[in-house]
Amino acid sequence: MVTKALMVRLEAKPGKEADVEDFLRGGLSIVEQEPATTAWFAVRLGPSTFGVFDAFPDEGGRQAHLSGGVAQALKERESDLFSEPISIAKVDVLASKLPK
């Protein structure tokens, strides 16, 4: 069961869209090593707009992810890849359906 999540919105700099896509695809191998990251999705919302949605069983899992490898990599690449500050919203999961 998941109770906590993050919704992240990323706006790529002009010409950096493919780099952002590659960066997000590469993030999968990092989050696969995080036992408390129950679900993780990297998505493209528009031509230059990307997002990440990830879910956790509790606040401890969410905090572990926020201090983990993908978050660190985002901070390191923020000025290079993104035209706007990264938007991270902490949200509560009200209902979910996950594979068993």
Protein backbone atom coordinates (compact mmCIF):
# COMPACT_ATOMS: atom_id res chain seq x y z
CA MET A 1 0.00 0.00 0.00
CA VAL A 2 1.20 3.49 -0.79
CA THR A 3 0.24 6.56 1.20
CA LYS A 4 2.73 9.22 0.08
CA ALA A 5 3.87 10.43 -3.34
CA LEU A 6 5.74 13.10 -5.24
CA MET A 7 4.65 14.94 -8.36
CA VAL A 8 7.58 16.59 -10.13
CA ARG A 9 7.32 18.94 -13.10
CA LEU A 10 10.35 19.68 -15.27
CA GLU A 11 10.62 22.22 -18.10
CA ALA A 12 13.52 21.50 -20.46
CA LYS A 13 15.67 24.28 -21.84
CA PRO A 14 15.25 24.76 -25.59
CA GLY A 15 17.31 22.13 -27.37
CA LYS A 16 17.74 20.03 -24.20
CA GLU A 17 14.59 17.93 -24.57
CA ALA A 18 16.44 14.78 -25.68
CA ASP A 19 18.95 15.23 -22.86
CA VAL A 20 16.12 15.44 -20.31
CA GLU A 21 14.51 12.34 -21.79
CA ASP A 22 17.81 10.44 -21.56
CA PHE A 23 18.36 11.69 -18.01
CA LEU A 24 14.94 10.45 -16.92
CA ARG A 25 15.37 7.07 -18.60
CA GLY A 26 18.69 6.71 -16.77
CA GLY A 27 17.00 7.44 -13.45
CA LEU A 28 15.17 4.12 -13.56
CA SER A 29 18.26 2.12 -12.66
CA ILE A 30 18.77 4.33 -9.60
CA VAL A 31 15.21 4.08 -8.25
CA GLU A 32 15.19 0.32 -8.82
CA GLN A 33 17.71 0.20 -5.95
CA GLU A 34 15.33 2.04 -3.58
CA PRO A 35 13.20 -0.52 -1.75
CA ALA A 36 10.70 2.07 -0.49
CA THR A 37 10.01 3.52 -3.96
CA THR A 38 6.93 1.45 -4.72
CA ALA A 39 6.10 3.05 -8.06
CA TRP A 40 8.04 5.46 -10.28
CA PHE A 41 7.00 6.96 -13.59
CA ALA A 42 8.93 9.38 -15.79
CA VAL A 43 6.63 10.99 -18.36
CA ARG A 44 6.61 13.51 -21.16
CA LEU A 45 3.72 15.97 -20.80
CA GLY A 46 4.43 18.11 -23.85
CA PRO A 47 7.19 19.09 -26.28
CA SER A 48 9.46 20.44 -23.53
CA THR A 49 7.57 19.52 -20.36
CA PHE A 50 8.37 16.37 -18.41
CA GLY A 51 7.27 14.91 -15.12
CA VAL A 52 7.93 12.26 -12.55
CA PHE A 53 5.36 10.61 -10.31
CA ASP A 54 6.56 8.30 -7.60
CA ALA A 55 4.82 6.63 -4.67
CA PHE A 56 5.93 5.33 -1.30
CA PRO A 57 4.46 3.35 1.59
CA ASP A 58 5.14 6.11 4.10
CA GLU A 59 6.89 9.41 4.79
CA GLY A 60 10.17 7.64 5.55
CA GLY A 61 10.25 6.16 2.06
CA ARG A 62 9.49 9.51 0.49
CA GLN A 63 12.24 11.22 2.47
CA ALA A 64 14.73 8.48 1.57
CA HIS A 65 13.95 9.06 -2.11
CA LEU A 66 14.27 12.84 -1.75
CA SER A 67 17.78 12.38 -0.38
CA GLY A 68 18.68 9.63 -2.86
CA GLY A 69 20.53 9.42 -6.13
CA VAL A 70 17.92 10.77 -8.55
CA ALA A 71 17.24 13.83 -6.39
CA GLN A 72 20.97 14.52 -6.14
CA ALA A 73 21.42 14.13 -9.89
CA LEU A 74 18.50 16.50 -10.54
CA LYS A 75 20.09 19.15 -8.35
CA GLU A 76 23.44 18.73 -10.12
CA ARG A 77 21.90 19.04 -13.61
CA GLU A 78 19.15 21.59 -12.87
CA SER A 79 20.92 24.65 -14.32
CA ASP A 80 22.14 22.70 -17.35
CA LEU A 81 18.88 21.01 -18.36
CA PHE A 82 15.93 23.02 -17.08
CA SER A 83 14.60 26.47 -17.93
CA GLU A 84 12.56 26.80 -14.73
CA PRO A 85 13.11 25.70 -11.14
CA ILE A 86 12.11 22.08 -10.61
CA SER A 87 8.62 21.88 -9.10
CA ILE A 88 8.26 19.14 -6.48
CA ALA A 89 4.89 18.64 -4.78
CA LYS A 90 4.48 16.28 -1.84
CA VAL A 91 1.07 14.64 -2.10
CA ASP A 92 -0.97 12.09 -0.17
CA VAL A 93 -2.26 9.03 -2.03
CA LEU A 94 -5.98 8.51 -1.41
CA ALA A 95 -6.40 5.32 -3.44
CA SER A 96 -4.19 3.17 -5.65
CA LYS A 97 -4.06 0.03 -7.75
CA LEU A 98 -0.66 -1.60 -8.05
CA PRO A 99 0.42 -4.99 -9.39
CA LYS A 100 0.71 -7.70 -6.77
